[in-house]
C-alpha atoms as a PDB file:
ATOM      1  CA  MET A   1      22.777   4.490  -4.663  1.00  0.00           C
ATOM      2  CA  LYS A   2      25.024   7.489  -3.478  1.00  0.00           C
ATOM      3  CA  ASP A   3      25.192  10.405  -6.413  1.00  0.00           C
ATOM      4  CA  TYR A   4      28.476  11.372  -6.361  1.00  0.00           C
ATOM      5  CA  TYR A   5      28.490  13.749  -8.986  1.00  0.00           C
ATOM      6  CA  GLY A   6      25.793  15.612  -6.580  1.00  0.00           C
ATOM      7  CA  ILE A   7      27.986  15.355  -3.190  1.00  0.00           C
ATOM      8  CA  LEU A   8      31.222  16.864  -5.611  1.00  0.00           C
ATOM      9  CA  GLU A   9      28.727  19.807  -6.996  1.00  0.00           C
ATOM     10  CA  VAL A  10      29.509  18.487 -10.625  1.00  0.00           C
ATOM     11  CA  ASN A  11      28.111  18.063 -14.037  1.00  0.00           C
ATOM     12  CA  GLU A  12      27.816  14.347 -15.332  1.00  0.00           C
ATOM     13  CA  LYS A  13      29.669  15.279 -18.054  1.00  0.00           C
ATOM     14  CA  ALA A  14      32.219  16.793 -15.901  1.00  0.00           C
ATOM     15  CA  SER A  15      35.852  16.210 -17.338  1.00  0.00           C
ATOM     16  CA  GLN A  16      38.510  15.290 -14.969  1.00  0.00           C
ATOM     17  CA  GLU A  17      39.977  18.160 -14.381  1.00  0.00           C
ATOM     18  CA  ILE A  18      36.918  19.772 -13.061  1.00  0.00           C
ATOM     19  CA  ILE A  19      36.292  16.923 -10.768  1.00  0.00           C
ATOM     20  CA  GLU A  20      39.520  17.417  -9.467  1.00  0.00           C
ATOM     21  CA  LYS A  21      39.280  21.067  -8.915  1.00  0.00           C
ATOM     22  CA  ALA A  22      35.905  20.753  -7.520  1.00  0.00           C
ATOM     23  CA  TYR A  23      37.439  17.377  -4.839  1.00  0.00           C
ATOM     24  CA  LYS A  24      40.114  19.938  -4.048  1.00  0.00           C
ATOM     25  CA  THR A  25      37.709  22.722  -2.860  1.00  0.00           C
ATOM     26  CA  LEU A  26      35.918  21.076  -0.946  1.00  0.00           C
ATOM     27  CA  VAL A  27      38.514  19.182   0.651  1.00  0.00           C
ATOM     28  CA  LYS A  28      39.880  22.701   1.693  1.00  0.00           C
ATOM     29  CA  LYS A  29      36.100  23.631   2.847  1.00  0.00           C
ATOM     30  CA  TYR A  30      35.129  20.714   4.712  1.00  0.00           C
ATOM     31  CA  HIS A  31      38.201  20.146   6.448  1.00  0.00           C
ATOM     32  CA  PRO A  32      37.863  19.040  10.184  1.00  0.00           C
ATOM     33  CA  ASP A  33      40.086  20.896  11.352  1.00  0.00           C
ATOM     34  CA  LEU A  34      38.443  24.332  10.770  1.00  0.00           C
ATOM     35  CA  TYR A  35      35.447  23.104  12.811  1.00  0.00           C
ATOM     36  CA  SER A  36      34.404  22.924  16.633  1.00  0.00           C
ATOM     37  CA  SER A  37      33.286  19.662  18.028  1.00  0.00           C
ATOM     38  CA  LEU A  38      30.015  19.503  17.172  1.00  0.00           C
ATOM     39  CA  GLU A  39      30.456  20.581  13.358  1.00  0.00           C
ATOM     40  CA  LYS A  40      33.638  18.630  13.572  1.00  0.00           C
ATOM     41  CA  ARG A  41      31.321  15.295  13.125  1.00  0.00           C
ATOM     42  CA  GLU A  42      29.546  16.672   9.966  1.00  0.00           C
ATOM     43  CA  ALA A  43      32.577  17.906   8.562  1.00  0.00           C
ATOM     44  CA  GLU A  44      34.649  14.329   8.852  1.00  0.00           C
ATOM     45  CA  ARG A  45      31.112  12.608   7.656  1.00  0.00           C
ATOM     46  CA  LYS A  46      30.713  14.832   4.474  1.00  0.00           C
ATOM     47  CA  LEU A  47      34.947  14.792   3.942  1.00  0.00           C
ATOM     48  CA  LYS A  48      34.797  10.864   4.041  1.00  0.00           C
ATOM     49  CA  ASP A  49      31.648  10.899   1.232  1.00  0.00           C
ATOM     50  CA  ILE A  50      33.786  13.615  -0.900  1.00  0.00           C
ATOM     51  CA  ASN A  51      36.621  11.129  -0.552  1.00  0.00           C
ATOM     52  CA  GLU A  52      35.017   7.690  -1.804  1.00  0.00           C
ATOM     53  CA  ALA A  53      33.259   9.826  -4.677  1.00  0.00           C
ATOM     54  CA  TYR A  54      36.374  11.582  -6.049  1.00  0.00           C
ATOM     55  CA  ASN A  55      37.846   7.657  -5.768  1.00  0.00           C
ATOM     56  CA  ILE A  56      34.888   6.530  -7.742  1.00  0.00           C
ATOM     57  CA  LEU A  57      34.550   9.380 -10.551  1.00  0.00           C
ATOM     58  CA  SER A  58      38.913  10.210 -10.726  1.00  0.00           C
ATOM     59  CA  ASP A  59      39.239   6.201 -11.941  1.00  0.00           C
ATOM     60  CA  ASN A  60      38.167   6.337 -15.691  1.00  0.00           C
ATOM     61  CA  PHE A  61      37.199   2.501 -15.151  1.00  0.00           C
ATOM     62  CA  LEU A  62      35.386   2.669 -12.173  1.00  0.00           C
ATOM     63  CA  ARG A  63      33.593   6.252 -13.386  1.00  0.00           C
ATOM     64  CA  SER A  64      32.293   3.917 -16.305  1.00  0.00           C
ATOM     65  CA  GLN A  65      30.976   1.367 -14.146  1.00  0.00           C
ATOM     66  CA  TYR A  66      28.717   3.933 -11.685  1.00  0.00           C
ATOM     67  CA  ASP A  67      27.795   5.666 -14.918  1.00  0.00           C
ATOM     68  CA  LEU A  68      26.037   2.256 -16.034  1.00  0.00           C
ATOM     69  CA  GLU A  69      24.701   1.777 -12.785  1.00  0.00           C
ATOM     70  CA  LEU A  70      23.613   5.045 -12.187  1.00  0.00           C
ATOM     71  CA  GLN A  71      21.730   4.849 -15.961  1.00  0.00           C
ATOM     72  CA  LYS A  72      19.565   1.213 -14.768  1.00  0.00           C
ATOM     73  CA  GLU A  73      18.468   3.349 -11.284  1.00  0.00           C
ATOM     74  CA  LYS A  74      17.497   6.569 -13.278  1.00  0.00           C
ATOM     75  CA  ASN A  75      15.749   3.783 -15.861  1.00  0.00           C
ATOM     76  CA  ARG A  76      14.298   2.190 -12.934  1.00  0.00           C
ATOM     77  CA  ALA A  77      12.929   5.105 -11.281  1.00  0.00           C
ATOM     78  CA  GLN A  78      11.419   6.210 -14.549  1.00  0.00           C
ATOM     79  CA  THR A  79       9.838   3.028 -15.187  1.00  0.00           C
ATOM     80  CA  ASN A  80       8.699   2.911 -11.795  1.00  0.00           C
ATOM     81  CA  GLN A  81       7.000   6.470 -12.128  1.00  0.00           C
ATOM     82  CA  ASN A  82       5.545   5.660 -15.095  1.00  0.00           C
ATOM     83  CA  ILE A  83       4.148   2.628 -13.659  1.00  0.00           C
ATOM     84  CA  TYR A  84       2.393   4.718 -10.812  1.00  0.00           C
ATOM     85  CA  GLU A  85       1.493   7.524 -13.195  1.00  0.00           C
ATOM     86  CA  LYS A  86      -0.026   4.285 -15.280  1.00  0.00           C
ATOM     87  CA  ASN A  87      -2.143   2.957 -12.307  1.00  0.00           C
ATOM     88  CA  ILE A  88      -3.243   6.679 -11.264  1.00  0.00           C
ATOM     89  CA  TYR A  89      -4.759   7.213 -14.664  1.00  0.00           C
ATOM     90  CA  ASN A  90      -6.310   3.446 -14.824  1.00  0.00           C
ATOM     91  CA  TYR A  91      -7.791   4.532 -11.196  1.00  0.00           C
ATOM     92  CA  GLN A  92      -8.994   7.320 -12.274  1.00  0.00           C
ATOM     93  CA  GLN A  93     -10.654   6.005 -15.617  1.00  0.00           C
ATOM     94  CA  ASN A  94     -12.376   3.334 -12.870  1.00  0.00           C
ATOM     95  CA  VAL A  95     -13.799   5.882 -10.908  1.00  0.00           C
ATOM     96  CA  THR A  96     -15.314   8.163 -13.884  1.00  0.00           C
ATOM     97  CA  GLN A  97     -16.587   5.307 -15.881  1.00  0.00           C
ATOM     98  CA  LYS A  98     -18.063   3.472 -12.178  1.00  0.00           C
ATOM     99  CA  ARG A  99     -19.705   7.564 -11.644  1.00  0.00           C
ATOM    100  CA  ASN A 100     -20.882   7.380 -15.300  1.00  0.00           C
ATOM    101  CA  GLU A 101     -22.607   4.090 -15.115  1.00  0.00           C
ATOM    102  CA  ASN A 102     -24.248   4.945 -11.554  1.00  0.00           C
ATOM    103  CA  MET A 103     -25.605   8.189 -12.707  1.00  0.00           C
ATOM    104  CA  SER A 104     -26.844   6.349 -15.894  1.00  0.00           C
ATOM    105  CA  GLY A 105     -28.457   3.871 -14.123  1.00  0.00           C
ATOM    106  CA  ASN A 106     -30.343   6.640 -11.469  1.00  0.00           C
ATOM    107  CA  LYS A 107     -31.490   8.214 -14.865  1.00  0.00           C
ATOM    108  CA  SER A 108     -32.783   5.505 -16.441  1.00  0.00           C
ATOM    109  CA  LYS A 109     -34.641   4.764 -13.348  1.00  0.00           C
ATOM    110  CA  GLN A 110     -35.967   8.028 -12.971  1.00  0.00           C
ATOM    111  CA  LYS A 111     -37.581   7.726 -16.130  1.00  0.00           C
ATOM    112  CA  ARG A 112     -39.216   4.244 -15.275  1.00  0.00           C
ATOM    113  CA  THR A 113     -40.795   5.902 -12.619  1.00  0.00           C
ATOM    114  CA  GLY A 114     -41.368   8.993 -13.997  1.00  0.00           C
ATOM    115  CA  TYR A 115     -40.205  10.772 -11.278  1.00  0.00           C
ATOM    116  CA  VAL A 116     -37.119  13.478 -11.351  1.00  0.00           C
ATOM    117  CA  LYS A 117     -35.828  14.440  -8.035  1.00  0.00           C
ATOM    118  CA  ASN A 118     -36.280  18.355  -7.639  1.00  0.00           C
ATOM    119  CA  LYS A 119     -33.180  19.675  -4.929  1.00  0.00           C
ATOM    120  CA  SER A 120     -35.132  23.188  -4.341  1.00  0.00           C
ATOM    121  CA  ASN A 121     -38.338  21.216  -3.561  1.00  0.00           C
ATOM    122  CA  VAL A 122     -36.739  19.597  -0.019  1.00  0.00           C
ATOM    123  CA  GLY A 123     -37.752  20.736   3.216  1.00  0.00           C
ATOM    124  CA  THR A 124     -41.673  21.557   1.341  1.00  0.00           C
ATOM    125  CA  ILE A 125     -45.018  19.774   0.997  1.00  0.00           C
ATOM    126  CA  PHE A 126     -43.900  19.126  -2.520  1.00  0.00           C
ATOM    127  CA  GLY A 127     -40.758  17.870  -1.570  1.00  0.00           C
ATOM    128  CA  LEU A 128     -42.325  15.546   1.112  1.00  0.00           C
ATOM    129  CA  VAL A 129     -44.823  14.567  -2.019  1.00  0.00           C
ATOM    130  CA  ASP A 130     -42.315  13.670  -4.160  1.00  0.00           C
ATOM    131  CA  LEU A 131     -40.393  11.599  -1.293  1.00  0.00           C
ATOM    132  CA  VAL A 132     -43.711   9.325  -0.972  1.00  0.00           C
ATOM    133  CA  LYS A 133     -44.176   9.056  -4.533  1.00  0.00           C
ATOM    134  CA  ASP A 134     -40.348   7.635  -5.026  1.00  0.00           C
ATOM    135  CA  LEU A 135     -41.132   5.208  -2.016  1.00  0.00           C
ATOM    136  CA  TRP A 136     -43.965   3.965  -3.641  1.00  0.00           C
ATOM    137  CA  ALA A 137     -42.263   3.807  -6.828  1.00  0.00           C
ATOM    138  CA  ASN A 138     -39.548   1.687  -5.541  1.00  0.00           C
ATOM    139  CA  LYS A 139     -40.689  -0.355  -2.789  1.00  0.00           C
ATOM    140  CA  PRO A 140     -39.699  -3.988  -3.039  1.00  0.00           C
ATOM    141  CA  LYS A 141     -41.884  -6.229  -4.702  1.00  0.00           C
ATOM    142  CA  LYS A 142     -44.529  -9.222  -2.826  1.00  0.00           C
ATOM    143  CA  SER A 143     -42.231 -12.158  -3.005  1.00  0.00           C
ATOM    144  CA  GLU A 144     -39.428  -9.802  -1.137  1.00  0.00           C
ATOM    145  CA  ARG A 145     -41.575  -8.083   1.047  1.00  0.00           C
ATOM    146  CA  LYS A 146     -42.724 -11.937   2.893  1.00  0.00           C
ATOM    147  CA  LYS A 147     -38.856 -12.293   2.646  1.00  0.00           C
ATOM    148  CA  MET A 148     -38.399  -9.257   4.684  1.00  0.00           C
ATOM    149  CA  SER A 149     -41.290  -9.909   7.062  1.00  0.00           C
ATOM    150  CA  GLN A 150     -40.069 -13.603   7.804  1.00  0.00           C
ATOM    151  CA  ILE A 151     -36.475 -12.355   8.939  1.00  0.00           C
ATOM    152  CA  ASP A 152     -38.393  -9.517  10.596  1.00  0.00           C
ATOM    153  CA  TRP A 153     -40.468 -11.503  12.500  1.00  0.00           C
ATOM    154  CA  LEU A 154     -37.620 -14.367  13.076  1.00  0.00           C
ATOM    155  CA  ALA A 155     -35.398 -10.950  14.488  1.00  0.00           C
ATOM    156  CA  VAL A 156     -38.215  -9.729  16.633  1.00  0.00           C
ATOM    157  CA  GLY A 157     -38.673 -13.260  18.308  1.00  0.00           C
ATOM    158  CA  LEU A 158     -34.910 -13.997  19.049  1.00  0.00           C
ATOM    159  CA  THR A 159     -34.594 -10.005  20.278  1.00  0.00           C
ATOM    160  CA  ILE A 160     -37.279 -11.291  23.328  1.00  0.00           C
ATOM    161  CA  VAL A 161     -35.655 -14.473  23.902  1.00  0.00           C
ATOM    162  CA  ALA A 162     -32.315 -12.630  24.406  1.00  0.00           C
ATOM    163  CA  LEU A 163     -34.192 -10.551  26.664  1.00  0.00           C
ATOM    164  CA  LEU A 164     -36.294 -12.902  28.801  1.00  0.00           C
ATOM    165  CA  ILE A 165     -32.739 -14.592  29.138  1.00  0.00           C
ATOM    166  CA  ILE A 166     -30.079 -11.419  30.412  1.00  0.00           C
ATOM    167  CA  GLY A 167     -33.771 -10.457  32.614  1.00  0.00           C
ATOM    168  CA  VAL A 168     -33.534 -14.056  34.189  1.00  0.00           C
ATOM    169  CA  ILE A 169     -29.711 -13.470  34.738  1.00  0.00           C
ATOM    170  CA  LEU A 170     -30.563 -10.507  36.370  1.00  0.00           C
ATOM    171  CA  TRP A 171     -32.986 -11.611  38.600  1.00  0.00           C
ATOM    172  CA  PHE A 172     -30.440 -14.346  40.122  1.00  0.00           C
ATOM    173  CA  ILE A 173     -27.324 -11.958  40.764  1.00  0.00           C
ATOM    174  CA  PRO A 174     -27.576 -10.444  44.017  1.00  0.00           C
ATOM    175  CA  PHE A 175     -26.082  -7.258  42.927  1.00  0.00           C
ATOM    176  CA  THR A 176     -28.725  -6.280  40.283  1.00  0.00           C
ATOM    177  CA  ASN A 177     -32.023  -8.292  41.979  1.00  0.00           C
ATOM    178  CA  GLY A 178     -32.970  -5.208  43.861  1.00  0.00           C
ATOM    179  CA  TRP A 179     -32.712  -3.106  40.712  1.00  0.00           C
ATOM    180  CA  MET A 180     -35.137  -5.829  39.021  1.00  0.00           C
ATOM    181  CA  ARG A 181     -37.262  -5.685  41.436  1.00  0.00           C
ATOM    182  CA  GLN A 182     -38.067  -2.269  41.318  1.00  0.00           C
ATOM    183  CA  LEU A 183     -38.488  -1.935  37.784  1.00  0.00           C
ATOM    184  CA  LEU A 184     -40.778  -4.956  37.380  1.00  0.00           C
ATOM    185  CA  PHE A 185     -43.129  -4.053  40.629  1.00  0.00           C
ATOM    186  CA  GLU A 186     -42.677  -0.996  41.093  1.00  0.00           C
ATOM    187  CA  ASN A 187     -43.209   0.598  37.401  1.00  0.00           C
ATOM    188  CA  PRO A 188     -46.556   2.039  36.566  1.00  0.00           C
ATOM    189  CA  ILE A 189     -46.006   0.876  32.633  1.00  0.00           C
ATOM    190  CA  PHE A 190     -45.526  -3.088  34.021  1.00  0.00           C
ATOM    191  CA  ASN A 191     -47.981  -3.084  37.034  1.00  0.00           C
ATOM    192  CA  PHE A 192     -51.089  -1.684  34.476  1.00  0.00           C
ATOM    193  CA  ILE A 193     -49.666  -4.345  31.724  1.00  0.00           C
ATOM    194  CA  GLY A 194     -49.647  -7.045  34.823  1.00  0.00           C
ATOM    195  CA  SER A 195     -53.619  -5.346  35.642  1.00  0.00           C
ATOM    196  CA  LEU A 196     -54.180  -6.586  32.398  1.00  0.00           C
ATOM    197  CA  PHE A 197     -53.497  -9.943  32.328  1.00  0.00           C
ATOM    198  CA  SER A 198     -54.818 -10.519  35.645  1.00  0.00           C
END
């Protein structure tokens, strides 16, 4: 919605006489004949807006309708601003609450283990001892370790199978066959492994 009061550079409570004087002043100021070709278009656009604003604000009925719509828009903008500020406040409260919960959780964990991190120990032998203590205190339970080791072995097995499949595919591609032969037969590591099995 255009701000007709701003276009005419008057207050919202301005009288009809003030609006008329402002209109005449602005018409003289932005008359297109006073400007060159580039500035003339801008002056014509401004003059069009000035005429539109004056037509609305000079008629009492249209001005009252415009004032109602302007007030509704301001109320909507204020409501949106209030909602935005409330959302920001709620977000900040949630972040603060989560941070406090995390901090209290860390403190209780430190109380359980009897270990409190000392930042000044970082990079020293005492820091290494503290790290080992922390790792030992927070190690997974036996049942969790068993599950993890099964998953780890499965991952290792799948990786070996995938590498073997890729190796076979590369062996049969003419472009990579020479490279695979060199890797398997001329590499000292593979020669050593092969000598163990022969």
